[in-house]
Protein backbone atom coordinates (compact mmCIF):
# COMPACT_ATOMS: atom_id res chain seq x y z
CA UNK A 1 33.59 -4.02 -15.59
CA UNK A 2 31.02 -2.40 -13.18
CA UNK A 3 27.58 -2.16 -14.48
CA UNK A 4 26.09 1.29 -15.04
CA UNK A 5 22.91 2.17 -13.19
CA UNK A 6 21.03 2.04 -16.51
CA UNK A 7 22.13 -1.53 -17.25
CA UNK A 8 19.10 -3.75 -17.22
CA UNK A 9 21.01 -6.48 -15.37
CA UNK A 10 22.05 -4.19 -12.66
CA UNK A 11 18.53 -2.68 -12.28
CA UNK A 12 16.89 -6.10 -12.21
CA UNK A 13 19.37 -7.27 -9.63
CA UNK A 14 18.55 -4.33 -7.28
CA UNK A 15 14.81 -5.03 -7.66
CA UNK A 16 15.35 -8.71 -6.70
CA UNK A 17 17.49 -7.80 -3.69
CA UNK A 18 14.79 -5.53 -2.33
CA UNK A 19 12.00 -7.91 -3.07
CA UNK A 20 13.90 -10.76 -1.42
CA UNK A 21 14.54 -8.52 1.75
CA UNK A 22 10.89 -7.58 1.89
CA UNK A 23 9.19 -10.85 1.06
CA UNK A 24 11.76 -13.56 1.18
CA UNK A 25 11.35 -16.55 3.66
CA UNK A 26 14.97 -17.69 3.44
CA UNK A 27 17.34 -17.30 6.48
CA UNK A 28 19.32 -14.50 4.92
CA UNK A 29 16.22 -12.44 4.25
CA UNK A 30 15.05 -12.89 7.77
CA UNK A 31 18.44 -11.84 9.15
CA UNK A 32 18.39 -8.75 7.14
CA UNK A 33 14.89 -7.88 8.17
CA UNK A 34 15.92 -8.35 11.79
CA UNK A 35 18.92 -6.17 11.39
CA UNK A 36 16.69 -3.42 9.77
CA UNK A 37 14.05 -3.75 12.51
CA UNK A 38 15.50 -0.96 14.82
CA UNK A 39 15.46 1.49 11.73
CA UNK A 40 11.97 0.45 10.97
CA UNK A 41 11.03 1.09 14.56
CA UNK A 42 12.59 4.56 14.31
CA UNK A 43 10.69 5.26 11.10
CA UNK A 44 7.49 4.14 12.79
CA UNK A 45 8.10 6.53 15.65
CA UNK A 46 8.72 9.46 13.31
CA UNK A 47 5.56 8.61 11.25
CA UNK A 48 3.41 8.30 14.42
CA UNK A 49 4.92 11.54 15.89
CA UNK A 50 4.21 13.34 12.75
CA UNK A 51 0.64 12.13 12.40
CA UNK A 52 -0.07 13.13 16.14
CA UNK A 53 1.17 16.58 15.48
CA UNK A 54 -1.26 16.98 12.59
CA UNK A 55 -4.05 15.49 14.56
CA UNK A 56 -3.68 18.08 17.37
CA UNK A 57 -3.05 20.92 14.94
CA UNK A 58 0.54 21.70 15.89
CA UNK A 59 1.46 21.02 12.28
CA UNK A 60 -1.15 22.98 10.31
CA UNK A 61 -3.03 21.68 7.31
CA UNK A 62 -3.99 24.13 4.65
CA UNK A 63 -7.56 23.97 3.15
CA UNK A 64 -7.60 23.36 -0.64
CA UNK A 65 -9.46 25.95 -2.76
CA UNK A 66 -11.52 23.12 -4.30
CA UNK A 67 -13.07 20.05 -2.82
CA UNK A 68 -10.36 17.41 -3.24
CA UNK A 69 -10.23 13.61 -2.96
CA UNK A 70 -6.94 11.93 -2.28
CA UNK A 71 -6.17 8.49 -3.63
CA UNK A 72 -3.21 6.90 -1.82
CA UNK A 73 -1.96 3.82 -0.12
CA UNK A 74 -0.21 2.56 3.02
CA UNK A 75 2.62 0.77 1.08
CA UNK A 76 5.17 1.60 -1.59
CA UNK A 77 3.71 1.22 -5.09
CA UNK A 78 1.91 -1.54 -6.81
CA UNK A 79 -1.62 -0.96 -5.54
CA UNK A 80 -2.97 0.66 -8.72
CA UNK A 81 -3.30 4.25 -7.72
CA UNK A 82 -2.86 5.70 -11.18
CA UNK A 83 -5.66 3.51 -12.94
CA UNK A 84 -8.01 4.00 -9.97
CA UNK A 85 -7.38 7.78 -9.79
CA UNK A 86 -8.05 8.03 -13.52
CA UNK A 87 -11.28 5.97 -13.14
CA UNK A 88 -12.51 8.19 -10.21
CA UNK A 89 -11.69 11.28 -12.28
CA UNK A 90 -13.60 9.99 -15.28
CA UNK A 91 -16.57 9.01 -13.01
CA UNK A 92 -16.67 12.52 -11.55
CA UNK A 93 -16.67 14.02 -15.08
CA UNK A 94 -19.57 11.66 -16.10
CA UNK A 95 -21.46 12.85 -13.06
CA UNK A 96 -21.20 16.51 -14.09
CA UNK A 97 -18.03 17.58 -12.45
CA UNK A 98 -14.90 19.25 -13.99
CA UNK A 99 -12.18 17.29 -12.32
CA UNK A 100 -8.38 17.73 -12.55
CA UNK A 101 -5.71 15.29 -11.51
CA UNK A 102 -3.08 16.81 -9.15
CA UNK A 103 0.05 14.81 -8.53
CA UNK A 104 3.70 15.10 -7.64
CA UNK A 105 4.81 13.67 -11.01
CA UNK A 106 7.66 11.56 -9.60
CA UNK A 107 9.44 9.63 -12.44
CA UNK A 108 7.59 11.51 -15.24
CA UNK A 109 5.37 8.58 -16.25
CA UNK A 110 2.17 9.18 -14.24
CA UNK A 111 1.18 12.48 -15.96
CA UNK A 112 1.64 10.88 -19.28
CA UNK A 113 -0.43 7.87 -18.32
CA UNK A 114 -3.31 10.10 -17.04
CA UNK A 115 -3.18 12.06 -20.35
CA UNK A 116 -3.41 8.91 -22.22
CA UNK A 117 -6.28 7.49 -20.15
CA UNK A 118 -8.28 10.82 -19.94
CA UNK A 119 -7.10 13.14 -22.60
CA UNK A 120 -9.95 15.69 -21.73
CA UNK A 121 -9.10 15.89 -17.96
CA UNK A 122 -6.37 18.36 -17.07
CA UNK A 123 -3.18 17.19 -15.11
CA UNK A 124 -1.40 19.52 -12.74
CA UNK A 125 2.11 18.52 -11.59
CA UNK A 126 3.03 20.03 -8.29
CA UNK A 127 4.77 18.60 -5.15
CA UNK A 128 2.75 21.13 -3.15
CA UNK A 129 -0.80 19.74 -3.49
CA UNK A 130 -2.37 22.78 -2.01
CA UNK A 131 -0.68 25.00 -4.75
CA UNK A 132 -1.54 22.27 -7.35
CA UNK A 133 -5.32 22.43 -6.53
CA UNK A 134 -5.09 26.20 -6.80
CA UNK A 135 -3.60 25.75 -10.27
CA UNK A 136 -6.38 23.18 -11.13
CA UNK A 137 -9.00 25.91 -10.36
CA UNK A 138 -7.26 28.33 -12.69
CA UNK A 139 -7.60 25.85 -15.57
CA UNK A 140 -11.20 25.39 -15.10
CA UNK A 141 -11.64 22.48 -12.65
CA UNK A 142 -14.15 22.53 -9.89
CA UNK A 143 -13.00 19.31 -8.00
CA UNK A 144 -9.49 17.69 -7.72
CA UNK A 145 -8.28 14.11 -7.48
CA UNK A 146 -4.93 13.98 -5.65
CA UNK A 147 -2.97 10.99 -6.95
CA UNK A 148 -0.82 9.56 -4.08
CA UNK A 149 -1.39 12.07 -1.34
CA UNK A 150 -2.53 10.08 1.64
CA UNK A 151 0.75 10.92 3.63
CA UNK A 152 0.75 14.52 2.29
CA UNK A 153 -1.27 15.72 5.21
CA UNK A 154 -0.36 19.42 4.73
CA UNK A 155 -3.32 19.55 2.13
CA UNK A 156 -6.54 19.57 4.08
CA UNK A 157 -8.62 17.71 1.46
CA UNK A 158 -12.30 16.76 1.57
CA UNK A 159 -11.67 12.93 1.92
CA UNK A 160 -9.25 10.12 1.51
CA UNK A 161 -9.51 6.92 -0.57
CA UNK A 162 -6.89 4.38 0.38
CA UNK A 163 -5.76 1.32 -1.69
CA UNK A 164 -4.49 -1.93 -0.38
CA UNK A 165 -3.29 -4.68 -2.78
CA UNK A 166 -4.56 -8.20 -2.37
CA UNK A 167 -1.67 -9.48 -4.49
CA UNK A 168 1.08 -8.25 -2.09
CA UNK A 169 -0.93 -8.63 1.08
CA UNK A 170 0.75 -10.12 4.15
CA UNK A 171 -0.50 -10.63 7.65
CA UNK A 172 2.83 -9.01 8.76
CA UNK A 173 3.02 -5.26 7.76
CA UNK A 174 6.70 -4.42 7.98
CA UNK A 175 7.46 -0.84 7.77
CA UNK A 176 10.20 0.74 5.73
CA UNK A 177 13.03 -0.15 5.33
CA UNK A 178 12.38 -3.67 6.50
CA UNK A 179 9.24 -3.94 4.31
CA UNK A 180 7.16 -2.01 1.91
CA UNK A 181 4.71 -0.37 4.30
CA UNK A 182 4.64 3.41 4.83
CA UNK A 183 2.41 3.24 7.98
CA UNK A 184 0.40 0.57 9.80
CA UNK A 185 -3.04 -0.60 8.87
CA UNK A 186 -4.64 1.49 11.63
CA UNK A 187 -3.85 4.50 9.44
CA UNK A 188 -6.92 3.54 7.50
CA UNK A 189 -8.92 5.18 10.24
CA UNK A 190 -8.29 8.46 8.37
CA UNK A 191 -9.78 7.00 5.23
CA UNK A 192 -13.36 7.58 4.00
CA UNK A 193 -13.18 4.50 1.79
CA UNK A 194 -10.70 1.69 1.47
CA UNK A 195 -10.47 -0.08 -1.78
CA UNK A 196 -8.80 -3.56 -1.96
CA UNK A 197 -7.42 -3.98 -5.44
CA UNK A 198 -6.55 -7.25 -7.15
CA UNK A 199 -4.64 -8.06 -10.31
CA UNK A 200 -3.80 -11.82 -10.43
CA UNK A 201 -5.26 -12.49 -6.92
CA UNK A 202 -8.71 -13.95 -6.82
CA UNK A 203 -11.84 -12.30 -5.52
CA UNK A 204 -11.86 -14.66 -2.62
CA UNK A 205 -8.39 -13.47 -1.63
CA UNK A 206 -9.47 -9.84 -1.87
CA UNK A 207 -12.35 -10.49 0.39
CA UNK A 208 -10.05 -12.17 2.92
CA UNK A 209 -8.02 -8.95 2.93
CA UNK A 210 -11.16 -7.00 3.66
CA UNK A 211 -11.82 -9.25 6.66
CA UNK A 212 -8.32 -8.79 7.85
CA UNK A 213 -8.44 -4.97 7.59
CA UNK A 214 -11.78 -4.82 9.44
CA UNK A 215 -10.18 -6.82 12.33
CA UNK A 216 -8.12 -3.70 12.96
CA UNK A 217 -10.53 -1.05 11.86
CA UNK A 218 -14.09 -2.50 12.39
CA UNK A 219 -15.88 0.49 10.86
CA UNK A 220 -14.04 0.47 7.66
CA UNK A 221 -15.99 1.32 4.52
CA UNK A 222 -14.62 -0.92 1.73
CA UNK A 223 -14.82 -1.62 -1.98
CA UNK A 224 -13.06 -4.30 -4.10
CA UNK A 225 -11.60 -3.43 -7.45
CA UNK A 226 -10.31 -5.87 -10.09
CA UNK A 227 -7.53 -4.26 -12.25
CA UNK A 228 -8.08 -6.58 -15.19
CA UNK A 229 -5.56 -6.65 -18.09
CA UNK A 230 -7.07 -5.00 -21.13
CA UNK A 231 -6.29 -5.27 -24.88
CA UNK A 232 -2.83 -5.53 -26.26
CA UNK A 233 -1.95 -2.16 -27.83
CA UNK A 234 0.88 -1.05 -30.13
CA UNK A 235 3.06 1.37 -28.00
CA UNK A 236 3.91 3.46 -31.09
CA UNK A 237 0.86 3.05 -33.31
CA UNK A 238 -3.03 2.71 -33.35
CA UNK A 239 -3.31 -1.07 -33.60
CA UNK A 240 -4.86 -3.20 -30.87
CA UNK A 241 -5.35 -6.91 -30.41
CA UNK A 242 -7.55 -8.88 -28.00
CA UNK A 243 -5.56 -10.04 -24.97
CA UNK A 244 -6.44 -13.59 -25.96
CA UNK A 245 -3.79 -13.26 -28.84
CA UNK A 246 -0.99 -13.86 -26.37
CA UNK A 247 -2.23 -17.41 -25.69
CA UNK A 248 0.48 -19.96 -26.47
CA UNK A 249 2.86 -17.12 -27.36
CA UNK A 250 6.38 -16.56 -26.02
CA UNK A 251 6.46 -13.30 -24.15
CA UNK A 252 9.25 -10.97 -23.04
CA UNK A 253 7.70 -8.78 -20.34
CA UNK A 254 9.22 -5.40 -19.46
CA UNK A 255 8.08 -3.76 -16.16
CA UNK A 256 9.23 -0.83 -14.06
CA UNK A 257 6.25 -0.78 -11.69
CA UNK A 258 5.77 -1.41 -8.04
CA UNK A 259 4.62 -5.02 -8.33
CA UNK A 260 5.90 -6.49 -11.54
CA UNK A 261 5.04 -10.02 -10.22
CA UNK A 262 1.33 -9.37 -10.36
CA UNK A 263 1.53 -8.08 -13.96
CA UNK A 264 3.63 -11.11 -14.91
CA UNK A 265 1.04 -13.49 -13.36
CA UNK A 266 -1.74 -11.69 -15.14
CA UNK A 267 -0.23 -12.43 -18.55
CA UNK A 268 0.51 -16.02 -17.46
CA UNK A 269 -3.11 -16.46 -16.57
CA UNK A 270 -4.08 -15.05 -19.93
CA UNK A 271 -2.32 -17.96 -21.53
CA UNK A 272 1.38 -16.90 -22.24
CA UNK A 273 3.31 -20.08 -23.00
CA UNK A 274 6.65 -18.94 -21.78
CA UNK A 275 7.82 -15.69 -20.17
CA UNK A 276 11.27 -13.95 -19.95
CA UNK A 277 11.56 -10.58 -18.21
CA UNK A 278 13.32 -7.30 -17.94
CA UNK A 279 12.55 -5.83 -14.51
CA UNK A 280 13.53 -2.39 -13.37
CA UNK A 281 12.87 -0.25 -10.37
CA UNK A 282 9.61 1.57 -10.14
CA UNK A 283 9.47 4.68 -12.22
CA UNK A 284 12.63 3.84 -14.05
CA UNK A 285 13.68 6.42 -16.54
CA UNK A 286 14.32 4.43 -19.80
CA UNK A 287 17.34 5.37 -22.02
CA UNK A 288 18.17 4.49 -25.50
CA UNK A 289 20.69 2.00 -24.25
CA UNK A 290 18.02 0.44 -22.19
CA UNK A 291 15.70 0.02 -25.13
CA UNK A 292 18.37 -1.40 -27.26
CA UNK A 293 19.29 -3.88 -24.57
CA UNK A 294 15.71 -4.89 -24.00
CA UNK A 295 14.98 -5.24 -27.76
CA UNK A 296 17.96 -7.61 -28.05
CA UNK A 297 16.87 -9.55 -25.03
CA UNK A 298 13.31 -9.91 -26.48
CA UNK A 299 14.51 -11.06 -29.88
CA UNK A 300 13.63 -14.69 -29.18
CA UNK A 301 10.14 -13.96 -28.02
CA UNK A 302 6.90 -13.63 -30.12
CA UNK A 303 5.92 -10.44 -28.39
CA UNK A 304 7.63 -7.72 -26.25
CA UNK A 305 5.03 -6.48 -23.78
CA UNK A 306 5.04 -3.87 -20.97
CA UNK A 307 2.55 -1.79 -19.02
CA UNK A 308 1.21 1.54 -20.19
CA UNK A 309 3.24 3.13 -17.41
CA UNK A 310 6.39 1.82 -18.98
CA UNK A 311 5.29 2.38 -22.69
CA UNK A 312 4.94 6.09 -22.24
CA UNK A 313 8.75 6.40 -21.53
CA UNK A 314 10.17 3.36 -23.26
CA UNK A 315 8.40 3.66 -26.64
CA UNK A 316 10.16 6.92 -27.69
CA UNK A 317 13.45 5.05 -27.45
CA UNK A 318 12.35 1.76 -28.95
CA UNK A 319 14.63 0.80 -31.94
CA UNK A 320 12.90 1.23 -35.28
CA UNK A 321 14.30 -1.95 -36.52
CA UNK A 322 13.17 -3.98 -33.59
CA UNK A 323 9.79 -6.01 -33.51
CA UNK A 324 6.91 -3.87 -32.24
CA UNK A 325 6.57 -2.99 -28.57
CA UNK A 326 3.13 -3.75 -27.10
CA UNK A 327 1.55 -2.66 -23.87
CA UNK A 328 -1.34 -3.87 -21.68
CA UNK A 329 -3.20 -1.32 -19.40
CA UNK A 330 -5.36 -2.17 -16.47
CA UNK A 331 -9.15 -1.82 -16.81
CA UNK A 332 -10.94 -0.91 -13.59
CA UNK A 333 -13.76 -3.22 -12.57
CA UNK A 334 -15.61 -2.41 -9.35
CA UNK A 335 -16.58 -5.80 -7.96
CA UNK A 336 -18.00 -4.75 -4.61
CA UNK A 337 -18.71 -1.31 -2.95
CA UNK A 338 -19.70 0.72 -5.91
CA UNK A 339 -22.57 2.29 -3.86
CA UNK A 340 -20.04 3.48 -1.24
CA UNK A 341 -17.79 4.90 -3.96
CA UNK A 342 -20.55 6.63 -5.68
CA UNK A 343 -21.89 8.10 -2.48
CA UNK A 344 -18.41 9.52 -1.73
CA UNK A 345 -18.20 11.08 -5.25
CA UNK A 346 -21.63 12.52 -5.00
CA UNK A 347 -20.65 14.10 -1.62
CA UNK A 348 -17.50 15.55 -3.15
CA UNK A 349 -19.56 17.08 -5.97
CA UNK A 350 -22.14 18.51 -3.46
CA UNK A 351 -19.25 20.16 -1.49
CA UNK A 352 -18.53 22.37 -4.44
CA UNK A 353 -21.25 24.75 -3.20
CA UNK A 354 -19.27 25.30 0.06
CA UNK A 355 -16.00 26.37 -1.62
């Protein structure tokens, strides 16, 4: 019988196929990438033409009504935009600003994650970022953080922060659909600050990525952020445990994120004895059937663990009779470039007087 789209086995298979095409080194993956190269070339041409039209003003950009900072990336998912955007918003709040998060809200999980991380910071969902910033002003904000808006050039924001993941870095940046890149590295010329994020990758690997990026954009302002796994938290209750409590345990990991491999490696580095997984496409909309199947698949594990992004949508469907579902969120640690980041945020706050 054909598997339904919500079947975890079917979803996991589709994720593996895409990952193999984008990152595989076997002959078949190379053949498929070669076959997709003309489509990637066409995509590149469209992206370049669109960017040029914005650069010369043929395609108009509309000024936001508040000073806005975009947090985006060059690739598809997995760089840590949501935790970094939440961190930046909290830092603006702590420096006297009244920030709001403005995002498209694709998949429904990101607004819930932001509300969990910063309950006191308003979240505005709007595919039109210009209209979203206007709504943010109505609810009392005086600055805006645009989550995932680097390619949304219609909104003329104050500055761009762009994230690049050290965990998924490759010296070959293949554009969609032959690879995960939305635009080439030289797109970083539009960024005020580039943040190299790492999860399971080492600090040395992150610094090597900085060096590689500066080979293309020598004037690049950079920072390095470690997205460290935080405490283990009950997805449906108040209990938390130190991450060290997974040491020696059998884990069943559930992930519907851009780079599940990095999350799995984080938990393995934290001491998990064995790991089984239920992997879904990024932003997967979990159903009751999904939750029942995952609970059954995790019955042989000591702990069922997911990300916060997954927990906000999976926990409401989690069977009451199943063992508890736990999540691990990412804690932002700025390892290098904090001065550059703070200078940018101070400039954003100062720009309020001109709006």
